[in-house]
Amino acid sequence: MPKFVELWVYLSATPLFGLTATLVVYVLAQAAYARTAQAPWANPVLWTVLVLTTGLLVTGVPYPTYFAGAQFIHFLLGPAVVALGWPLWQRRTELRAAWPRLLLAALLGGTAASGSALGLAWGLGLPTDVMLSLVPKSVTAPVAMGIAEKIGGIPALAAVFAVITGLVGALAGKYLFDALHVTTDRAGWSARGFALGTAAHGIGAARAMQVNPDAGA
């Protein structure tokens, strides 16, 4: 057996495989993203998911084997989401003055996000558990899984819907805001970031902050 094949067989069966593959693919995707001047279609999360999924299918590596290593990155998702709150803390004085409007916007936006998904799912005649899995699609994947489990949805499916929602928001958000003539001054960027965070959770908010730091608050 060739040395390369022996090395592949060894690595693909250890936790090191999932961790290394995820980091390498994401670093390459991030480099490509930078070379495209951060074009929405080159979103590194999107391409990392596509490349890793294709790689697992082609090589036949079981997902549990991959996740045995990738779970270390998965654990860091929580702290990463919390870190998005730092820009909010920096502008806490302004936010404190505007909290009634922000609270109302968050409630209406969250209701619209879940309600529209439920309405579409009901119109398509989807099973109840699938419909319930769509309810938490606008929150980050680990939270979406917990909510889905509590309300009778399918946690794994809820995570998929959450990731897709975040990616769609990151890809299409800029074009939608431009079409709606949302301004690009400080207030406009804050509105864009808030809307993306409400509709497309951390992935959408992170994308907005990459374009302009004011979108973080």
C-alpha atoms as a PDB file:
ATOM      1  CA  MET A   1       0.000   0.000   0.000  1.00  0.00           C
ATOM      2  CA  PRO A   2       1.469   3.421  -0.970  1.00  0.00           C
ATOM      3  CA  LYS A   3       2.624   5.624   1.911  1.00  0.00           C
ATOM      4  CA  PHE A   4       0.112   8.337   1.001  1.00  0.00           C
ATOM      5  CA  VAL A   5      -2.772   5.889   1.158  1.00  0.00           C
ATOM      6  CA  GLU A   6      -1.553   4.576   4.513  1.00  0.00           C
ATOM      7  CA  LEU A   7      -1.366   8.140   5.840  1.00  0.00           C
ATOM      8  CA  TRP A   8      -4.867   8.915   4.539  1.00  0.00           C
ATOM      9  CA  VAL A   9      -6.344   5.792   6.150  1.00  0.00           C
ATOM     10  CA  TYR A  10      -4.731   6.723   9.462  1.00  0.00           C
ATOM     11  CA  LEU A  11      -5.735  10.394   9.453  1.00  0.00           C
ATOM     12  CA  SER A  12      -9.303   9.783   8.268  1.00  0.00           C
ATOM     13  CA  ALA A  13      -9.925   7.529  11.268  1.00  0.00           C
ATOM     14  CA  THR A  14      -8.671   9.981  13.916  1.00  0.00           C
ATOM     15  CA  PRO A  15     -10.170  13.157  15.432  1.00  0.00           C
ATOM     16  CA  LEU A  16      -7.247  15.055  13.922  1.00  0.00           C
ATOM     17  CA  PHE A  17      -8.817  14.599  10.481  1.00  0.00           C
ATOM     18  CA  GLY A  18     -11.978  16.623  11.097  1.00  0.00           C
ATOM     19  CA  LEU A  19     -10.167  19.439  12.871  1.00  0.00           C
ATOM     20  CA  THR A  20      -7.373  19.720  10.313  1.00  0.00           C
ATOM     21  CA  ALA A  21      -9.666  19.469   7.285  1.00  0.00           C
ATOM     22  CA  THR A  22     -11.978  22.177   8.594  1.00  0.00           C
ATOM     23  CA  LEU A  23      -9.159  24.590   9.432  1.00  0.00           C
ATOM     24  CA  VAL A  24      -7.291  24.070   6.152  1.00  0.00           C
ATOM     25  CA  VAL A  25     -10.386  24.460   3.975  1.00  0.00           C
ATOM     26  CA  TYR A  26     -11.583  27.535   5.871  1.00  0.00           C
ATOM     27  CA  VAL A  27      -8.171  29.251   5.701  1.00  0.00           C
ATOM     28  CA  LEU A  28      -8.047  28.665   1.938  1.00  0.00           C
ATOM     29  CA  ALA A  29     -11.641  29.866   1.542  1.00  0.00           C
ATOM     30  CA  GLN A  30     -10.866  32.974   3.601  1.00  0.00           C
ATOM     31  CA  ALA A  31      -7.848  33.728   1.402  1.00  0.00           C
ATOM     32  CA  ALA A  32      -9.973  33.371  -1.734  1.00  0.00           C
ATOM     33  CA  TYR A  33     -12.630  35.580  -0.134  1.00  0.00           C
ATOM     34  CA  ALA A  34     -10.059  38.324   0.456  1.00  0.00           C
ATOM     35  CA  ARG A  35      -8.845  38.120  -3.155  1.00  0.00           C
ATOM     36  CA  THR A  36     -12.392  38.737  -4.412  1.00  0.00           C
ATOM     37  CA  ALA A  37     -12.675  41.914  -2.296  1.00  0.00           C
ATOM     38  CA  GLN A  38     -15.128  40.071  -0.016  1.00  0.00           C
ATOM     39  CA  ALA A  39     -17.699  39.388  -2.719  1.00  0.00           C
ATOM     40  CA  PRO A  40     -20.877  37.895  -1.176  1.00  0.00           C
ATOM     41  CA  TRP A  41     -20.785  34.822  -3.450  1.00  0.00           C
ATOM     42  CA  ALA A  42     -17.290  33.988  -2.136  1.00  0.00           C
ATOM     43  CA  ASN A  43     -18.445  33.730   1.489  1.00  0.00           C
ATOM     44  CA  PRO A  44     -15.889  31.437   3.205  1.00  0.00           C
ATOM     45  CA  VAL A  45     -18.511  29.688   5.348  1.00  0.00           C
ATOM     46  CA  LEU A  46     -20.479  28.735   2.235  1.00  0.00           C
ATOM     47  CA  TRP A  47     -17.453  27.336   0.403  1.00  0.00           C
ATOM     48  CA  THR A  48     -16.125  25.557   3.469  1.00  0.00           C
ATOM     49  CA  VAL A  49     -19.457  23.754   3.866  1.00  0.00           C
ATOM     50  CA  LEU A  50     -19.599  22.857   0.167  1.00  0.00           C
ATOM     51  CA  VAL A  51     -16.000  21.608  -0.017  1.00  0.00           C
ATOM     52  CA  LEU A  52     -16.169  19.586   3.204  1.00  0.00           C
ATOM     53  CA  THR A  53     -19.536  18.052   2.296  1.00  0.00           C
ATOM     54  CA  THR A  54     -18.265  17.087  -1.148  1.00  0.00           C
ATOM     55  CA  GLY A  55     -15.064  15.717   0.355  1.00  0.00           C
ATOM     56  CA  LEU A  56     -16.910  13.515   2.839  1.00  0.00           C
ATOM     57  CA  LEU A  57     -19.190  12.172   0.107  1.00  0.00           C
ATOM     58  CA  VAL A  58     -16.316  11.432  -2.277  1.00  0.00           C
ATOM     59  CA  THR A  59     -14.009   9.834   0.296  1.00  0.00           C
ATOM     60  CA  GLY A  60     -16.740   7.970   2.159  1.00  0.00           C
ATOM     61  CA  VAL A  61     -15.598   9.247   5.547  1.00  0.00           C
ATOM     62  CA  PRO A  62     -18.545   8.905   7.988  1.00  0.00           C
ATOM     63  CA  TYR A  63     -19.838  12.176   9.419  1.00  0.00           C
ATOM     64  CA  PRO A  64     -19.401  11.004  13.059  1.00  0.00           C
ATOM     65  CA  THR A  65     -15.705  10.386  12.319  1.00  0.00           C
ATOM     66  CA  TYR A  66     -15.345  13.873  10.877  1.00  0.00           C
ATOM     67  CA  PHE A  67     -17.256  15.514  13.727  1.00  0.00           C
ATOM     68  CA  ALA A  68     -15.107  13.790  16.347  1.00  0.00           C
ATOM     69  CA  GLY A  69     -12.464  16.375  15.485  1.00  0.00           C
ATOM     70  CA  ALA A  70     -14.624  19.218  14.210  1.00  0.00           C
ATOM     71  CA  GLN A  71     -16.523  19.326  17.504  1.00  0.00           C
ATOM     72  CA  PHE A  72     -13.664  21.370  18.963  1.00  0.00           C
ATOM     73  CA  ILE A  73     -14.478  24.132  16.479  1.00  0.00           C
ATOM     74  CA  HIS A  74     -18.183  23.605  17.090  1.00  0.00           C
ATOM     75  CA  PHE A  75     -17.572  24.287  20.785  1.00  0.00           C
ATOM     76  CA  LEU A  76     -16.067  27.676  19.926  1.00  0.00           C
ATOM     77  CA  LEU A  77     -19.230  28.728  18.090  1.00  0.00           C
ATOM     78  CA  GLY A  78     -20.817  29.812  21.365  1.00  0.00           C
ATOM     79  CA  PRO A  79     -17.961  32.127  22.432  1.00  0.00           C
ATOM     80  CA  ALA A  80     -17.776  33.492  18.872  1.00  0.00           C
ATOM     81  CA  VAL A  81     -21.454  34.468  18.960  1.00  0.00           C
ATOM     82  CA  VAL A  82     -20.982  36.099  22.363  1.00  0.00           C
ATOM     83  CA  ALA A  83     -18.009  38.050  20.976  1.00  0.00           C
ATOM     84  CA  LEU A  84     -20.354  39.710  18.488  1.00  0.00           C
ATOM     85  CA  GLY A  85     -21.781  41.556  21.492  1.00  0.00           C
ATOM     86  CA  TRP A  86     -18.576  43.562  21.982  1.00  0.00           C
ATOM     87  CA  PRO A  87     -19.542  46.264  19.423  1.00  0.00           C
ATOM     88  CA  LEU A  88     -22.899  46.544  21.193  1.00  0.00           C
ATOM     89  CA  TRP A  89     -21.133  47.169  24.483  1.00  0.00           C
ATOM     90  CA  GLN A  90     -18.989  49.850  22.877  1.00  0.00           C
ATOM     91  CA  ARG A  91     -22.125  51.723  21.796  1.00  0.00           C
ATOM     92  CA  ARG A  92     -24.203  50.894  24.849  1.00  0.00           C
ATOM     93  CA  THR A  93     -25.117  54.543  25.530  1.00  0.00           C
ATOM     94  CA  GLU A  94     -26.738  54.980  22.113  1.00  0.00           C
ATOM     95  CA  LEU A  95     -28.432  51.599  22.305  1.00  0.00           C
ATOM     96  CA  ARG A  96     -29.811  52.287  25.764  1.00  0.00           C
ATOM     97  CA  ALA A  97     -31.559  55.378  24.430  1.00  0.00           C
ATOM     98  CA  ALA A  98     -33.030  53.454  21.496  1.00  0.00           C
ATOM     99  CA  TRP A  99     -33.942  50.204  23.279  1.00  0.00           C
ATOM    100  CA  PRO A 100     -37.771  50.500  22.893  1.00  0.00           C
ATOM    101  CA  ARG A 101     -37.461  50.772  19.101  1.00  0.00           C
ATOM    102  CA  LEU A 102     -34.848  48.026  18.942  1.00  0.00           C
ATOM    103  CA  LEU A 103     -36.959  45.693  21.058  1.00  0.00           C
ATOM    104  CA  LEU A 104     -40.019  46.293  18.890  1.00  0.00           C
ATOM    105  CA  ALA A 105     -38.003  45.783  15.703  1.00  0.00           C
ATOM    106  CA  ALA A 106     -36.502  42.545  17.038  1.00  0.00           C
ATOM    107  CA  LEU A 107     -39.914  41.197  18.048  1.00  0.00           C
ATOM    108  CA  LEU A 108     -41.513  42.102  14.721  1.00  0.00           C
ATOM    109  CA  GLY A 109     -38.528  40.846  12.723  1.00  0.00           C
ATOM    110  CA  GLY A 110     -38.310  37.559  14.593  1.00  0.00           C
ATOM    111  CA  THR A 111     -42.052  37.001  14.290  1.00  0.00           C
ATOM    112  CA  ALA A 112     -41.976  37.769  10.569  1.00  0.00           C
ATOM    113  CA  ALA A 113     -39.014  35.436  10.005  1.00  0.00           C
ATOM    114  CA  SER A 114     -40.633  32.481  11.761  1.00  0.00           C
ATOM    115  CA  GLY A 115     -44.155  33.266  10.568  1.00  0.00           C
ATOM    116  CA  SER A 116     -43.219  33.540   6.905  1.00  0.00           C
ATOM    117  CA  ALA A 117     -41.330  30.232   7.047  1.00  0.00           C
ATOM    118  CA  LEU A 118     -44.242  28.506   8.763  1.00  0.00           C
ATOM    119  CA  GLY A 119     -46.703  29.924   6.256  1.00  0.00           C
ATOM    120  CA  LEU A 120     -44.621  28.726   3.319  1.00  0.00           C
ATOM    121  CA  ALA A 121     -44.136  25.282   4.882  1.00  0.00           C
ATOM    122  CA  TRP A 122     -47.860  24.985   5.579  1.00  0.00           C
ATOM    123  CA  GLY A 123     -48.681  26.036   2.023  1.00  0.00           C
ATOM    124  CA  LEU A 124     -46.346  23.352   0.687  1.00  0.00           C
ATOM    125  CA  GLY A 125     -47.953  20.734   2.918  1.00  0.00           C
ATOM    126  CA  LEU A 126     -44.766  19.828   4.772  1.00  0.00           C
ATOM    127  CA  PRO A 127     -44.951  17.483   7.795  1.00  0.00           C
ATOM    128  CA  THR A 128     -45.491  19.072  11.202  1.00  0.00           C
ATOM    129  CA  ASP A 129     -42.053  18.163  12.543  1.00  0.00           C
ATOM    130  CA  VAL A 130     -40.413  19.782   9.513  1.00  0.00           C
ATOM    131  CA  MET A 131     -42.549  22.897   9.965  1.00  0.00           C
ATOM    132  CA  LEU A 132     -41.534  23.141  13.616  1.00  0.00           C
ATOM    133  CA  SER A 133     -37.894  22.720  12.632  1.00  0.00           C
ATOM    134  CA  LEU A 134     -38.221  25.906  10.568  1.00  0.00           C
ATOM    135  CA  VAL A 135     -39.380  28.035  13.515  1.00  0.00           C
ATOM    136  CA  PRO A 136     -35.888  28.717  14.971  1.00  0.00           C
ATOM    137  CA  LYS A 137     -34.169  29.137  11.585  1.00  0.00           C
ATOM    138  CA  SER A 138     -33.101  32.709  12.353  1.00  0.00           C
ATOM    139  CA  VAL A 139     -31.067  31.891  15.462  1.00  0.00           C
ATOM    140  CA  THR A 140     -27.613  30.337  15.544  1.00  0.00           C
ATOM    141  CA  ALA A 141     -27.461  26.578  14.923  1.00  0.00           C
ATOM    142  CA  PRO A 142     -26.838  25.258  18.477  1.00  0.00           C
ATOM    143  CA  VAL A 143     -29.694  27.369  19.850  1.00  0.00           C
ATOM    144  CA  ALA A 144     -31.935  26.358  16.940  1.00  0.00           C
ATOM    145  CA  MET A 145     -31.318  22.688  17.727  1.00  0.00           C
ATOM    146  CA  GLY A 146     -32.288  23.186  21.370  1.00  0.00           C
ATOM    147  CA  ILE A 147     -35.468  25.071  20.474  1.00  0.00           C
ATOM    148  CA  ALA A 148     -36.474  22.500  17.857  1.00  0.00           C
ATOM    149  CA  GLU A 149     -36.047  19.680  20.349  1.00  0.00           C
ATOM    150  CA  LYS A 150     -38.279  21.468  22.867  1.00  0.00           C
ATOM    151  CA  ILE A 151     -41.123  22.240  20.446  1.00  0.00           C
ATOM    152  CA  GLY A 152     -41.206  18.889  18.644  1.00  0.00           C
ATOM    153  CA  GLY A 153     -39.015  19.629  15.640  1.00  0.00           C
ATOM    154  CA  ILE A 154     -35.981  17.763  14.326  1.00  0.00           C
ATOM    155  CA  PRO A 155     -32.772  19.223  15.827  1.00  0.00           C
ATOM    156  CA  ALA A 156     -30.478  18.172  12.970  1.00  0.00           C
ATOM    157  CA  LEU A 157     -32.866  19.620  10.397  1.00  0.00           C
ATOM    158  CA  ALA A 158     -33.201  22.829  12.405  1.00  0.00           C
ATOM    159  CA  ALA A 159     -29.414  23.223  12.316  1.00  0.00           C
ATOM    160  CA  VAL A 160     -29.420  22.825   8.530  1.00  0.00           C
ATOM    161  CA  PHE A 161     -32.174  25.420   8.153  1.00  0.00           C
ATOM    162  CA  ALA A 162     -30.283  27.814  10.447  1.00  0.00           C
ATOM    163  CA  VAL A 163     -27.050  27.524   8.458  1.00  0.00           C
ATOM    164  CA  ILE A 164     -28.884  27.949   5.145  1.00  0.00           C
ATOM    165  CA  THR A 165     -30.713  31.001   6.503  1.00  0.00           C
ATOM    166  CA  GLY A 166     -27.449  32.568   7.636  1.00  0.00           C
ATOM    167  CA  LEU A 167     -25.762  31.933   4.296  1.00  0.00           C
ATOM    168  CA  VAL A 168     -28.690  33.308   2.292  1.00  0.00           C
ATOM    169  CA  GLY A 169     -28.689  36.425   4.452  1.00  0.00           C
ATOM    170  CA  ALA A 170     -24.943  36.875   4.022  1.00  0.00           C
ATOM    171  CA  LEU A 171     -25.188  36.373   0.254  1.00  0.00           C
ATOM    172  CA  ALA A 172     -28.329  38.357  -0.553  1.00  0.00           C
ATOM    173  CA  GLY A 173     -28.496  40.945   2.227  1.00  0.00           C
ATOM    174  CA  LYS A 174     -26.381  43.617   0.538  1.00  0.00           C
ATOM    175  CA  TYR A 175     -28.325  43.432  -2.711  1.00  0.00           C
ATOM    176  CA  LEU A 176     -31.668  43.581  -0.909  1.00  0.00           C
ATOM    177  CA  PHE A 177     -30.669  46.603   1.170  1.00  0.00           C
ATOM    178  CA  ASP A 178     -29.322  48.381  -1.905  1.00  0.00           C
ATOM    179  CA  ALA A 179     -32.553  47.669  -3.779  1.00  0.00           C
ATOM    180  CA  LEU A 180     -34.520  49.117  -0.862  1.00  0.00           C
ATOM    181  CA  HIS A 181     -32.219  52.170  -0.846  1.00  0.00           C
ATOM    182  CA  VAL A 182     -31.098  51.690   2.743  1.00  0.00           C
ATOM    183  CA  THR A 183     -28.505  54.392   3.377  1.00  0.00           C
ATOM    184  CA  THR A 184     -24.811  53.703   3.881  1.00  0.00           C
ATOM    185  CA  ASP A 185     -24.161  56.273   6.592  1.00  0.00           C
ATOM    186  CA  ARG A 186     -23.560  55.167  10.176  1.00  0.00           C
ATOM    187  CA  ALA A 187     -27.279  54.869  10.966  1.00  0.00           C
ATOM    188  CA  GLY A 188     -27.879  52.971   7.742  1.00  0.00           C
ATOM    189  CA  TRP A 189     -25.138  50.460   8.455  1.00  0.00           C
ATOM    190  CA  SER A 190     -26.464  49.967  11.971  1.00  0.00           C
ATOM    191  CA  ALA A 191     -29.892  49.242  10.492  1.00  0.00           C
ATOM    192  CA  ARG A 192     -28.412  46.794   7.988  1.00  0.00           C
ATOM    193  CA  GLY A 193     -26.492  44.958  10.684  1.00  0.00           C
ATOM    194  CA  PHE A 194     -29.485  44.807  13.006  1.00  0.00           C
ATOM    195  CA  ALA A 195     -31.749  43.496  10.256  1.00  0.00           C
ATOM    196  CA  LEU A 196     -29.252  40.847   9.169  1.00  0.00           C
ATOM    197  CA  GLY A 197     -28.656  39.786  12.757  1.00  0.00           C
ATOM    198  CA  THR A 198     -32.392  39.440  13.325  1.00  0.00           C
ATOM    199  CA  ALA A 199     -33.076  37.512  10.126  1.00  0.00           C
ATOM    200  CA  ALA A 200     -29.816  35.627   9.575  1.00  0.00           C
ATOM    201  CA  HIS A 201     -28.256  35.395  13.080  1.00  0.00           C
ATOM    202  CA  GLY A 202     -24.476  35.399  13.563  1.00  0.00           C
ATOM    203  CA  ILE A 203     -23.504  34.546   9.981  1.00  0.00           C
ATOM    204  CA  GLY A 204     -25.478  37.479   8.616  1.00  0.00           C
ATOM    205  CA  ALA A 205     -24.293  39.864  11.323  1.00  0.00           C
ATOM    206  CA  ALA A 206     -20.660  38.840  10.848  1.00  0.00           C
ATOM    207  CA  ARG A 207     -20.936  39.438   7.096  1.00  0.00           C
ATOM    208  CA  ALA A 208     -22.364  42.926   7.687  1.00  0.00           C
ATOM    209  CA  MET A 209     -19.568  43.740  10.144  1.00  0.00           C
ATOM    210  CA  GLN A 210     -16.943  42.630   7.626  1.00  0.00           C
ATOM    211  CA  VAL A 211     -18.265  45.180   5.153  1.00  0.00           C
ATOM    212  CA  ASN A 212     -18.587  47.997   7.702  1.00  0.00           C
ATOM    213  CA  PRO A 213     -17.857  47.904  11.468  1.00  0.00           C
ATOM    214  CA  ASP A 214     -20.826  50.211  12.141  1.00  0.00           C
ATOM    215  CA  ALA A 215     -23.107  47.302  11.210  1.00  0.00           C
ATOM    216  CA  GLY A 216     -22.150  45.707  14.522  1.00  0.00           C
ATOM    217  CA  ALA A 217     -24.315  48.092  16.483  1.00  0.00           C
END
